[in-house]
Amino acid sequence: MTFDLPGWCASSLGSAPVEVFYERVSISSVHGVRLADGREVYVKAREDDGRAFSCLAAQAALASRGFPCPRPITPVVLVAGLAVHAEEPLPGGEMLLGSSPSVARRYAEVFARLMALLEDVDVAPPLPNPRWSRWDHTDPGPWPSIGFLDSRDQSVVPEFVVDVAERLRKRLLATRLPCVLGHLDFEAQNLRWKDGEVWAVHDWDSLGWQPEAALAGAAAGAFANASPPGLVPIESTAAFLETYQKCRGRRFTEEELEIAWAGSTWTAVHNARWEVLHGDPTPSGDAVREQGAERLRLAGA
């Protein structure tokens, strides 16, 4: 995933970079650059799948309302199959680590605030959903088509992981709850905190379009993820969901609670498959093995 960073900065930002002080390459590439005119900006580039315009518009809307997220300073520009934009830096803060119920409640308060603000954001649904939450795919089998994973030996994926994935997906697809806009990578690694308050929420490329309960559930299972990712204890997911409902001012219906519990486990089964296909340690798989039966029961799956 390469493009002419100096040329793009000169043409889109009016100043060439004199230093690249940060680089990270994952699903998207992120470059922190210092420009000749003294500004510091972050330039993000990812393969264009049609999602970037909606994600950036929602990010800009939340930043304009005072939510702690980086403010975009350019629109999305398509460059050789990549969607590229620049945003202001929002440095500082620390990760809030831990998966206890008390930590879960703090994350749930932020997620509820985020979801309340997104209610009034009018953008086209950012589809397809991120691959780790794309249970709504139309590909054969339980998993969405992901070429670099599908090409590996699928026989190493434990049967219990496949079984849990199939049952969760069946439950998630059975709901007729309306889809809404939400953050689908709400994890410790993407948030920073300062003086006990949330300081920054990052990774707005990962907005998605799923039922509110599923979005809250996904965050309730994965909020503690740094590296390597895992699955929080069941009582912490319960604490997150309880706090989220309280902050939103309404109780989930029985169906919404089941969908929330199903959503809380899907990211972990995606990660459990990833782990074994890459020969990595298996914290997600171990957690699914330990908690899967109870989470399936709570999901009505």
C-alpha atoms as a PDB file:
ATOM      1  CA  MET A   1       0.000   0.000   0.000  1.00  0.00           C
ATOM      2  CA  THR A   2       2.162   2.834  -1.287  1.00  0.00           C
ATOM      3  CA  PHE A   3       1.536   6.255  -2.756  1.00  0.00           C
ATOM      4  CA  ASP A   4       3.467   9.481  -3.291  1.00  0.00           C
ATOM      5  CA  LEU A   5       3.223  10.947   0.208  1.00  0.00           C
ATOM      6  CA  PRO A   6       5.374  14.053  -0.474  1.00  0.00           C
ATOM      7  CA  GLY A   7       3.500  14.801  -3.685  1.00  0.00           C
ATOM      8  CA  TRP A   8       0.104  14.315  -2.073  1.00  0.00           C
ATOM      9  CA  CYS A   9       0.996  16.604   0.828  1.00  0.00           C
ATOM     10  CA  ALA A  10       2.244  19.290  -1.541  1.00  0.00           C
ATOM     11  CA  SER A  11      -0.872  19.178  -3.698  1.00  0.00           C
ATOM     12  CA  SER A  12      -3.542  18.612  -1.026  1.00  0.00           C
ATOM     13  CA  LEU A  13      -2.046  20.440   1.939  1.00  0.00           C
ATOM     14  CA  GLY A  14      -0.024  23.098   0.138  1.00  0.00           C
ATOM     15  CA  SER A  15       3.229  22.164   1.823  1.00  0.00           C
ATOM     16  CA  ALA A  16       5.736  19.338   1.428  1.00  0.00           C
ATOM     17  CA  PRO A  17       6.762  17.139   4.369  1.00  0.00           C
ATOM     18  CA  VAL A  18      10.161  17.674   5.934  1.00  0.00           C
ATOM     19  CA  GLU A  19       9.893  14.819   8.431  1.00  0.00           C
ATOM     20  CA  VAL A  20       7.891  11.643   8.881  1.00  0.00           C
ATOM     21  CA  PHE A  21       7.725  11.177  12.658  1.00  0.00           C
ATOM     22  CA  TYR A  22       5.245   8.290  12.767  1.00  0.00           C
ATOM     23  CA  GLU A  23       4.343   5.374  10.519  1.00  0.00           C
ATOM     24  CA  ARG A  24       2.050   2.420  10.998  1.00  0.00           C
ATOM     25  CA  VAL A  25       0.908   0.024   8.304  1.00  0.00           C
ATOM     26  CA  SER A  26      -2.033  -2.296   8.960  1.00  0.00           C
ATOM     27  CA  ILE A  27      -5.411  -2.343   7.217  1.00  0.00           C
ATOM     28  CA  SER A  28      -4.689   1.315   6.570  1.00  0.00           C
ATOM     29  CA  SER A  29      -1.374   3.145   6.566  1.00  0.00           C
ATOM     30  CA  VAL A  30      -0.910   6.134   8.851  1.00  0.00           C
ATOM     31  CA  HIS A  31       1.871   8.687   8.430  1.00  0.00           C
ATOM     32  CA  GLY A  32       2.558  11.439  10.921  1.00  0.00           C
ATOM     33  CA  VAL A  33       4.328  14.196   8.996  1.00  0.00           C
ATOM     34  CA  ARG A  34       5.798  17.580   9.811  1.00  0.00           C
ATOM     35  CA  LEU A  35       5.280  19.977   6.914  1.00  0.00           C
ATOM     36  CA  ALA A  36       7.601  22.694   5.671  1.00  0.00           C
ATOM     37  CA  ASP A  37       5.141  25.325   6.907  1.00  0.00           C
ATOM     38  CA  GLY A  38       5.431  23.958  10.460  1.00  0.00           C
ATOM     39  CA  ARG A  39       2.158  22.053  10.678  1.00  0.00           C
ATOM     40  CA  GLU A  40       1.970  18.493  11.945  1.00  0.00           C
ATOM     41  CA  VAL A  41      -0.683  16.286  10.344  1.00  0.00           C
ATOM     42  CA  TYR A  42      -1.556  12.635  10.042  1.00  0.00           C
ATOM     43  CA  VAL A  43      -2.135  11.255   6.561  1.00  0.00           C
ATOM     44  CA  LYS A  44      -4.188   8.059   6.329  1.00  0.00           C
ATOM     45  CA  ALA A  45      -4.446   5.832   3.251  1.00  0.00           C
ATOM     46  CA  ARG A  46      -6.389   2.582   2.760  1.00  0.00           C
ATOM     47  CA  GLU A  47      -7.722   0.580  -0.131  1.00  0.00           C
ATOM     48  CA  ASP A  48     -10.841   2.235  -1.477  1.00  0.00           C
ATOM     49  CA  ASP A  49     -13.848   0.011  -0.769  1.00  0.00           C
ATOM     50  CA  GLY A  50     -16.424   2.801  -0.870  1.00  0.00           C
ATOM     51  CA  ARG A  51     -16.575   3.274   2.908  1.00  0.00           C
ATOM     52  CA  ALA A  52     -14.144   6.145   3.422  1.00  0.00           C
ATOM     53  CA  PHE A  53     -16.408   9.043   2.419  1.00  0.00           C
ATOM     54  CA  SER A  54     -19.113   8.141   4.952  1.00  0.00           C
ATOM     55  CA  CYS A  55     -16.616   7.353   7.702  1.00  0.00           C
ATOM     56  CA  LEU A  56     -14.799  10.656   7.290  1.00  0.00           C
ATOM     57  CA  ALA A  57     -18.030  12.661   7.135  1.00  0.00           C
ATOM     58  CA  ALA A  58     -19.178  11.100  10.413  1.00  0.00           C
ATOM     59  CA  GLN A  59     -15.796  11.730  12.022  1.00  0.00           C
ATOM     60  CA  ALA A  60     -15.913  15.378  10.955  1.00  0.00           C
ATOM     61  CA  ALA A  61     -19.442  15.746  12.319  1.00  0.00           C
ATOM     62  CA  LEU A  62     -18.463  14.392  15.736  1.00  0.00           C
ATOM     63  CA  ALA A  63     -15.301  16.507  15.902  1.00  0.00           C
ATOM     64  CA  SER A  64     -17.380  19.612  15.133  1.00  0.00           C
ATOM     65  CA  ARG A  65     -19.649  18.767  18.081  1.00  0.00           C
ATOM     66  CA  GLY A  66     -16.767  18.555  20.516  1.00  0.00           C
ATOM     67  CA  PHE A  67     -16.371  14.803  20.666  1.00  0.00           C
ATOM     68  CA  PRO A  68     -12.708  13.891  21.311  1.00  0.00           C
ATOM     69  CA  CYS A  69     -11.630  12.632  17.919  1.00  0.00           C
ATOM     70  CA  PRO A  70      -9.143  14.002  15.357  1.00  0.00           C
ATOM     71  CA  ARG A  71     -10.607  16.664  13.071  1.00  0.00           C
ATOM     72  CA  PRO A  72     -10.259  15.923   9.341  1.00  0.00           C
ATOM     73  CA  ILE A  73      -8.544  18.718   7.412  1.00  0.00           C
ATOM     74  CA  THR A  74      -9.007  17.372   3.876  1.00  0.00           C
ATOM     75  CA  PRO A  75     -11.754  15.444   2.134  1.00  0.00           C
ATOM     76  CA  VAL A  76     -11.118  11.897   0.951  1.00  0.00           C
ATOM     77  CA  VAL A  77      -9.016  11.885  -2.210  1.00  0.00           C
ATOM     78  CA  LEU A  78      -8.781   8.784  -4.402  1.00  0.00           C
ATOM     79  CA  VAL A  79      -5.198   8.052  -5.422  1.00  0.00           C
ATOM     80  CA  ALA A  80      -4.382   4.938  -7.448  1.00  0.00           C
ATOM     81  CA  GLY A  81      -7.055   2.859  -5.762  1.00  0.00           C
ATOM     82  CA  LEU A  82      -6.401   4.309  -2.307  1.00  0.00           C
ATOM     83  CA  ALA A  83      -8.667   6.556  -0.253  1.00  0.00           C
ATOM     84  CA  VAL A  84      -6.452   9.222   1.319  1.00  0.00           C
ATOM     85  CA  HIS A  85      -7.143  12.047   3.746  1.00  0.00           C
ATOM     86  CA  ALA A  86      -5.331  14.141   6.349  1.00  0.00           C
ATOM     87  CA  GLU A  87      -6.419  14.971   9.875  1.00  0.00           C
ATOM     88  CA  GLU A  88      -5.199  17.042  12.792  1.00  0.00           C
ATOM     89  CA  PRO A  89      -3.110  15.276  15.417  1.00  0.00           C
ATOM     90  CA  LEU A  90      -4.638  14.579  18.804  1.00  0.00           C
ATOM     91  CA  PRO A  91      -1.546  13.416  20.700  1.00  0.00           C
ATOM     92  CA  GLY A  92      -1.128  12.457  24.313  1.00  0.00           C
ATOM     93  CA  GLY A  93      -3.083  10.403  26.765  1.00  0.00           C
ATOM     94  CA  GLU A  94      -2.628   6.794  27.767  1.00  0.00           C
ATOM     95  CA  MET A  95      -4.480   3.557  27.173  1.00  0.00           C
ATOM     96  CA  LEU A  96      -6.890   2.495  29.890  1.00  0.00           C
ATOM     97  CA  LEU A  97      -6.028  -1.156  30.354  1.00  0.00           C
ATOM     98  CA  GLY A  98      -7.963  -3.868  32.129  1.00  0.00           C
ATOM     99  CA  SER A  99     -11.128  -5.890  31.631  1.00  0.00           C
ATOM    100  CA  SER A 100     -12.822  -5.590  35.015  1.00  0.00           C
ATOM    101  CA  PRO A 101     -16.469  -4.551  35.376  1.00  0.00           C
ATOM    102  CA  SER A 102     -15.378  -1.128  36.671  1.00  0.00           C
ATOM    103  CA  VAL A 103     -13.257  -0.528  33.559  1.00  0.00           C
ATOM    104  CA  ALA A 104     -16.107  -1.827  31.403  1.00  0.00           C
ATOM    105  CA  ARG A 105     -18.455   0.803  32.820  1.00  0.00           C
ATOM    106  CA  ARG A 106     -16.056   3.620  31.924  1.00  0.00           C
ATOM    107  CA  TYR A 107     -15.802   2.430  28.350  1.00  0.00           C
ATOM    108  CA  ALA A 108     -19.578   1.974  28.144  1.00  0.00           C
ATOM    109  CA  GLU A 109     -20.174   5.608  29.135  1.00  0.00           C
ATOM    110  CA  VAL A 110     -17.975   6.791  26.266  1.00  0.00           C
ATOM    111  CA  PHE A 111     -19.582   4.417  23.795  1.00  0.00           C
ATOM    112  CA  ALA A 112     -23.067   5.568  24.777  1.00  0.00           C
ATOM    113  CA  ARG A 113     -22.023   9.199  24.262  1.00  0.00           C
ATOM    114  CA  LEU A 114     -20.571   8.329  20.875  1.00  0.00           C
ATOM    115  CA  MET A 115     -23.696   6.473  19.764  1.00  0.00           C
ATOM    116  CA  ALA A 116     -25.967   9.309  20.899  1.00  0.00           C
ATOM    117  CA  LEU A 117     -24.027  11.792  18.765  1.00  0.00           C
ATOM    118  CA  LEU A 118     -24.036   9.491  15.741  1.00  0.00           C
ATOM    119  CA  GLU A 119     -27.843   9.297  15.775  1.00  0.00           C
ATOM    120  CA  ASP A 120     -28.107  12.642  13.997  1.00  0.00           C
ATOM    121  CA  VAL A 121     -25.292  12.034  11.506  1.00  0.00           C
ATOM    122  CA  ASP A 122     -26.774  11.497   8.052  1.00  0.00           C
ATOM    123  CA  VAL A 123     -24.354   9.575   5.833  1.00  0.00           C
ATOM    124  CA  ALA A 124     -24.665   6.647   3.460  1.00  0.00           C
ATOM    125  CA  PRO A 125     -24.184   3.356   5.319  1.00  0.00           C
ATOM    126  CA  PRO A 126     -20.434   2.555   5.356  1.00  0.00           C
ATOM    127  CA  LEU A 127     -20.724  -0.856   3.743  1.00  0.00           C
ATOM    128  CA  PRO A 128     -19.372  -3.465   3.568  1.00  0.00           C
ATOM    129  CA  ASN A 129     -18.853  -3.641   7.310  1.00  0.00           C
ATOM    130  CA  PRO A 130     -15.323  -4.150   8.645  1.00  0.00           C
ATOM    131  CA  ARG A 131     -14.269  -7.730   8.069  1.00  0.00           C
ATOM    132  CA  TRP A 132     -14.188  -8.649  11.787  1.00  0.00           C
ATOM    133  CA  SER A 133     -17.859  -7.656  12.139  1.00  0.00           C
ATOM    134  CA  ARG A 134     -19.156  -8.675   8.720  1.00  0.00           C
ATOM    135  CA  TRP A 135     -21.490 -11.449   9.826  1.00  0.00           C
ATOM    136  CA  ASP A 136     -23.987 -10.039   7.308  1.00  0.00           C
ATOM    137  CA  HIS A 137     -21.926 -11.214   4.327  1.00  0.00           C
ATOM    138  CA  THR A 138     -23.375 -13.346   1.513  1.00  0.00           C
ATOM    139  CA  ASP A 139     -20.359 -15.604   1.013  1.00  0.00           C
ATOM    140  CA  PRO A 140     -20.559 -19.366   1.575  1.00  0.00           C
ATOM    141  CA  GLY A 141     -19.808 -20.616   5.056  1.00  0.00           C
ATOM    142  CA  PRO A 142     -19.686 -18.679   8.327  1.00  0.00           C
ATOM    143  CA  TRP A 143     -16.827 -16.361   7.382  1.00  0.00           C
ATOM    144  CA  PRO A 144     -16.755 -13.422   4.971  1.00  0.00           C
ATOM    145  CA  SER A 145     -14.453 -13.892   2.011  1.00  0.00           C
ATOM    146  CA  ILE A 146     -10.975 -12.663   2.997  1.00  0.00           C
ATOM    147  CA  GLY A 147      -8.481 -13.837   0.398  1.00  0.00           C
ATOM    148  CA  PHE A 148      -5.317 -13.900   2.493  1.00  0.00           C
ATOM    149  CA  LEU A 149      -7.106 -15.901   5.212  1.00  0.00           C
ATOM    150  CA  ASP A 150      -9.088 -18.164   2.893  1.00  0.00           C
ATOM    151  CA  SER A 151      -5.893 -19.269   1.124  1.00  0.00           C
ATOM    152  CA  ARG A 152      -4.539 -20.821   4.338  1.00  0.00           C
ATOM    153  CA  ASP A 153      -5.216 -24.322   5.653  1.00  0.00           C
ATOM    154  CA  GLN A 154      -8.710 -24.095   7.131  1.00  0.00           C
ATOM    155  CA  SER A 155      -8.432 -27.526   8.761  1.00  0.00           C
ATOM    156  CA  VAL A 156      -6.467 -25.956  11.637  1.00  0.00           C
ATOM    157  CA  VAL A 157      -9.485 -23.894  12.733  1.00  0.00           C
ATOM    158  CA  PRO A 158     -10.953 -25.753  15.752  1.00  0.00           C
ATOM    159  CA  GLU A 159     -14.404 -27.225  15.260  1.00  0.00           C
ATOM    160  CA  PHE A 160     -15.711 -25.427  18.333  1.00  0.00           C
ATOM    161  CA  VAL A 161     -14.728 -22.065  16.809  1.00  0.00           C
ATOM    162  CA  VAL A 162     -16.593 -22.872  13.593  1.00  0.00           C
ATOM    163  CA  ASP A 163     -19.620 -24.121  15.560  1.00  0.00           C
ATOM    164  CA  VAL A 164     -19.805 -20.991  17.699  1.00  0.00           C
ATOM    165  CA  ALA A 165     -19.415 -18.800  14.607  1.00  0.00           C
ATOM    166  CA  GLU A 166     -22.211 -20.590  12.756  1.00  0.00           C
ATOM    167  CA  ARG A 167     -24.615 -20.362  15.700  1.00  0.00           C
ATOM    168  CA  LEU A 168     -23.835 -16.705  16.380  1.00  0.00           C
ATOM    169  CA  ARG A 169     -24.248 -15.771  12.742  1.00  0.00           C
ATOM    170  CA  LYS A 170     -27.578 -17.577  12.505  1.00  0.00           C
ATOM    171  CA  ARG A 171     -28.841 -15.627  15.519  1.00  0.00           C
ATOM    172  CA  LEU A 172     -27.539 -12.294  14.256  1.00  0.00           C
ATOM    173  CA  LEU A 173     -29.035 -12.772  10.798  1.00  0.00           C
ATOM    174  CA  ALA A 174     -32.428 -13.741  12.248  1.00  0.00           C
ATOM    175  CA  THR A 175     -33.046 -10.313  13.775  1.00  0.00           C
ATOM    176  CA  ARG A 176     -35.012  -7.590  12.030  1.00  0.00           C
ATOM    177  CA  LEU A 177     -33.719  -4.830  14.289  1.00  0.00           C
ATOM    178  CA  PRO A 178     -32.900  -1.686  12.297  1.00  0.00           C
ATOM    179  CA  CYS A 179     -29.278  -0.933  11.486  1.00  0.00           C
ATOM    180  CA  VAL A 180     -27.610   2.260  12.671  1.00  0.00           C
ATOM    181  CA  LEU A 181     -24.206   3.884  12.418  1.00  0.00           C
ATOM    182  CA  GLY A 182     -21.634   2.881  15.025  1.00  0.00           C
ATOM    183  CA  HIS A 183     -17.956   2.356  15.832  1.00  0.00           C
ATOM    184  CA  LEU A 184     -16.946  -1.270  15.276  1.00  0.00           C
ATOM    185  CA  ASP A 185     -13.379  -1.169  16.578  1.00  0.00           C
ATOM    186  CA  PHE A 186     -14.046   0.328  20.003  1.00  0.00           C
ATOM    187  CA  GLU A 187     -11.021  -1.177  21.701  1.00  0.00           C
ATOM    188  CA  ALA A 188      -8.469  -0.005  24.261  1.00  0.00           C
ATOM    189  CA  GLN A 189      -5.813   0.314  21.565  1.00  0.00           C
ATOM    190  CA  ASN A 190      -7.942   2.955  19.789  1.00  0.00           C
ATOM    191  CA  LEU A 191      -8.703   5.171  22.788  1.00  0.00           C
ATOM    192  CA  ARG A 192      -6.550   7.407  24.940  1.00  0.00           C
ATOM    193  CA  TRP A 193      -7.360   8.760  28.408  1.00  0.00           C
ATOM    194  CA  LYS A 194      -6.021  11.690  30.430  1.00  0.00           C
ATOM    195  CA  ASP A 195      -6.747  12.641  34.040  1.00  0.00           C
ATOM    196  CA  GLY A 196      -9.442  10.000  34.266  1.00  0.00           C
ATOM    197  CA  GLU A 197     -11.364  11.208  31.206  1.00  0.00           C
ATOM    198  CA  VAL A 198     -11.393  10.010  27.631  1.00  0.00           C
ATOM    199  CA  TRP A 199      -8.951  12.111  25.620  1.00  0.00           C
ATOM    200  CA  ALA A 200      -9.176  10.677  22.107  1.00  0.00           C
ATOM    201  CA  VAL A 201     -11.087   8.056  20.147  1.00  0.00           C
ATOM    202  CA  HIS A 202      -9.339   6.936  16.978  1.00  0.00           C
ATOM    203  CA  ASP A 203      -9.884   4.572  14.027  1.00  0.00           C
ATOM    204  CA  TRP A 204     -12.953   6.082  12.412  1.00  0.00           C
ATOM    205  CA  ASP A 205     -12.272   3.969   9.331  1.00  0.00           C
ATOM    206  CA  SER A 206     -14.006   1.240  11.329  1.00  0.00           C
ATOM    207  CA  LEU A 207     -17.500   2.691  11.437  1.00  0.00           C
ATOM    208  CA  GLY A 208     -20.160   0.205  10.438  1.00  0.00           C
ATOM    209  CA  TRP A 209     -23.876  -0.374   9.922  1.00  0.00           C
ATOM    210  CA  GLN A 210     -25.436  -2.912  12.287  1.00  0.00           C
ATOM    211  CA  PRO A 211     -28.230  -2.982  14.882  1.00  0.00           C
ATOM    212  CA  GLU A 212     -27.493  -0.780  17.893  1.00  0.00           C
ATOM    213  CA  ALA A 213     -27.576  -3.779  20.216  1.00  0.00           C
ATOM    214  CA  ALA A 214     -25.006  -5.615  18.102  1.00  0.00           C
ATOM    215  CA  LEU A 215     -22.760  -2.549  18.029  1.00  0.00           C
ATOM    216  CA  ALA A 216     -22.959  -2.178  21.800  1.00  0.00           C
ATOM    217  CA  GLY A 217     -22.363  -5.894  22.190  1.00  0.00           C
ATOM    218  CA  ALA A 218     -19.289  -5.834  19.975  1.00  0.00           C
ATOM    219  CA  ALA A 219     -17.820  -3.059  22.110  1.00  0.00           C
ATOM    220  CA  ALA A 220     -18.838  -4.883  25.288  1.00  0.00           C
ATOM    221  CA  GLY A 221     -16.799  -7.930  24.320  1.00  0.00           C
ATOM    222  CA  ALA A 222     -13.752  -6.201  22.838  1.00  0.00           C
ATOM    223  CA  PHE A 223     -13.284  -2.921  24.763  1.00  0.00           C
ATOM    224  CA  ALA A 224     -10.161  -4.242  26.540  1.00  0.00           C
ATOM    225  CA  ASN A 225      -8.363  -5.359  23.373  1.00  0.00           C
ATOM    226  CA  ALA A 226      -4.821  -4.175  22.922  1.00  0.00           C
ATOM    227  CA  SER A 227      -2.362  -6.758  21.628  1.00  0.00           C
ATOM    228  CA  PRO A 228      -3.009  -9.597  21.414  1.00  0.00           C
ATOM    229  CA  PRO A 229      -6.822  -9.303  21.420  1.00  0.00           C
ATOM    230  CA  GLY A 230      -8.991 -11.570  23.519  1.00  0.00           C
ATOM    231  CA  LEU A 231     -12.463 -11.581  25.072  1.00  0.00           C
ATOM    232  CA  VAL A 232     -13.391  -9.908  28.347  1.00  0.00           C
ATOM    233  CA  PRO A 233     -14.996 -11.877  31.213  1.00  0.00           C
ATOM    234  CA  ILE A 234     -18.734 -12.418  30.966  1.00  0.00           C
ATOM    235  CA  GLU A 235     -19.408 -10.244  34.014  1.00  0.00           C
ATOM    236  CA  SER A 236     -17.567  -7.351  32.342  1.00  0.00           C
ATOM    237  CA  THR A 237     -19.655  -7.618  29.188  1.00  0.00           C
ATOM    238  CA  ALA A 238     -22.742  -7.607  31.424  1.00  0.00           C
ATOM    239  CA  ALA A 239     -21.494  -4.485  33.243  1.00  0.00           C
ATOM    240  CA  PHE A 240     -20.814  -2.715  29.950  1.00  0.00           C
ATOM    241  CA  LEU A 241     -24.276  -3.494  28.590  1.00  0.00           C
ATOM    242  CA  GLU A 242     -25.992  -2.462  31.829  1.00  0.00           C
ATOM    243  CA  THR A 243     -24.155   0.869  31.911  1.00  0.00           C
ATOM    244  CA  TYR A 244     -24.733   1.474  28.215  1.00  0.00           C
ATOM    245  CA  GLN A 245     -28.491   1.062  28.605  1.00  0.00           C
ATOM    246  CA  LYS A 246     -28.515   3.353  31.646  1.00  0.00           C
ATOM    247  CA  CYS A 247     -26.600   6.059  29.778  1.00  0.00           C
ATOM    248  CA  ARG A 248     -28.854   5.758  26.743  1.00  0.00           C
ATOM    249  CA  GLY A 249     -31.927   6.076  28.918  1.00  0.00           C
ATOM    250  CA  ARG A 250     -33.737   2.925  27.809  1.00  0.00           C
ATOM    251  CA  ARG A 251     -33.686  -0.790  28.447  1.00  0.00           C
ATOM    252  CA  PHE A 252     -32.927  -3.255  25.690  1.00  0.00           C
ATOM    253  CA  THR A 253     -35.712  -5.638  24.782  1.00  0.00           C
ATOM    254  CA  GLU A 254     -35.150  -9.364  25.248  1.00  0.00           C
ATOM    255  CA  GLU A 255     -34.258  -9.671  21.561  1.00  0.00           C
ATOM    256  CA  GLU A 256     -31.830  -6.747  21.754  1.00  0.00           C
ATOM    257  CA  LEU A 257     -30.082  -8.339  24.723  1.00  0.00           C
ATOM    258  CA  GLU A 258     -29.655 -11.576  22.796  1.00  0.00           C
ATOM    259  CA  ILE A 259     -28.281  -9.708  19.790  1.00  0.00           C
ATOM    260  CA  ALA A 260     -25.933  -7.788  22.069  1.00  0.00           C
ATOM    261  CA  TRP A 261     -24.554 -11.027  23.520  1.00  0.00           C
ATOM    262  CA  ALA A 262     -24.179 -12.493  20.050  1.00  0.00           C
ATOM    263  CA  GLY A 263     -22.349  -9.378  18.864  1.00  0.00           C
ATOM    264  CA  SER A 264     -20.118  -9.499  21.933  1.00  0.00           C
ATOM    265  CA  THR A 265     -18.660 -12.824  20.848  1.00  0.00           C
ATOM    266  CA  TRP A 266     -18.375 -12.491  17.068  1.00  0.00           C
ATOM    267  CA  THR A 267     -15.142 -10.473  17.044  1.00  0.00           C
ATOM    268  CA  ALA A 268     -13.546 -13.079  19.292  1.00  0.00           C
ATOM    269  CA  VAL A 269     -14.404 -15.975  16.960  1.00  0.00           C
ATOM    270  CA  HIS A 270     -13.034 -13.965  14.019  1.00  0.00           C
ATOM    271  CA  ASN A 271      -9.836 -13.429  16.019  1.00  0.00           C
ATOM    272  CA  ALA A 272      -9.760 -17.083  17.095  1.00  0.00           C
ATOM    273  CA  ARG A 273      -9.705 -18.122  13.453  1.00  0.00           C
ATOM    274  CA  TRP A 274      -7.037 -15.521  12.667  1.00  0.00           C
ATOM    275  CA  GLU A 275      -4.808 -16.804  15.479  1.00  0.00           C
ATOM    276  CA  VAL A 276      -4.629 -20.404  14.335  1.00  0.00           C
ATOM    277  CA  LEU A 277      -4.349 -19.525  10.637  1.00  0.00           C
ATOM    278  CA  HIS A 278      -1.266 -17.432  11.496  1.00  0.00           C
ATOM    279  CA  GLY A 279       0.194 -19.862  14.028  1.00  0.00           C
ATOM    280  CA  ASP A 280      -0.107 -17.261  16.790  1.00  0.00           C
ATOM    281  CA  PRO A 281      -0.892 -17.745  20.488  1.00  0.00           C
ATOM    282  CA  THR A 282      -4.612 -18.270  21.023  1.00  0.00           C
ATOM    283  CA  PRO A 283      -6.017 -15.962  23.728  1.00  0.00           C
ATOM    284  CA  SER A 284      -9.230 -15.388  21.744  1.00  0.00           C
ATOM    285  CA  GLY A 285      -9.662 -19.072  20.981  1.00  0.00           C
ATOM    286  CA  ASP A 286      -9.033 -20.008  24.609  1.00  0.00           C
ATOM    287  CA  ALA A 287     -11.633 -17.484  25.774  1.00  0.00           C
ATOM    288  CA  VAL A 288     -14.192 -18.716  23.232  1.00  0.00           C
ATOM    289  CA  ARG A 289     -13.593 -22.281  24.395  1.00  0.00           C
ATOM    290  CA  GLU A 290     -14.121 -21.240  28.020  1.00  0.00           C
ATOM    291  CA  GLN A 291     -17.011 -18.805  27.606  1.00  0.00           C
ATOM    292  CA  GLY A 292     -18.655 -19.883  24.370  1.00  0.00           C
ATOM    293  CA  ALA A 293     -21.419 -22.058  25.803  1.00  0.00           C
ATOM    294  CA  GLU A 294     -22.628 -19.380  28.238  1.00  0.00           C
ATOM    295  CA  ARG A 295     -22.439 -16.599  25.673  1.00  0.00           C
ATOM    296  CA  LEU A 296     -24.402 -18.698  23.192  1.00  0.00           C
ATOM    297  CA  ARG A 297     -27.044 -19.302  25.873  1.00  0.00           C
ATOM    298  CA  LEU A 298     -27.307 -15.579  26.608  1.00  0.00           C
ATOM    299  CA  ALA A 299     -27.560 -14.920  22.856  1.00  0.00           C
ATOM    300  CA  GLY A 300     -30.379 -17.409  22.433  1.00  0.00           C
ATOM    301  CA  ALA A 301     -28.184 -19.199  19.933  1.00  0.00           C
END
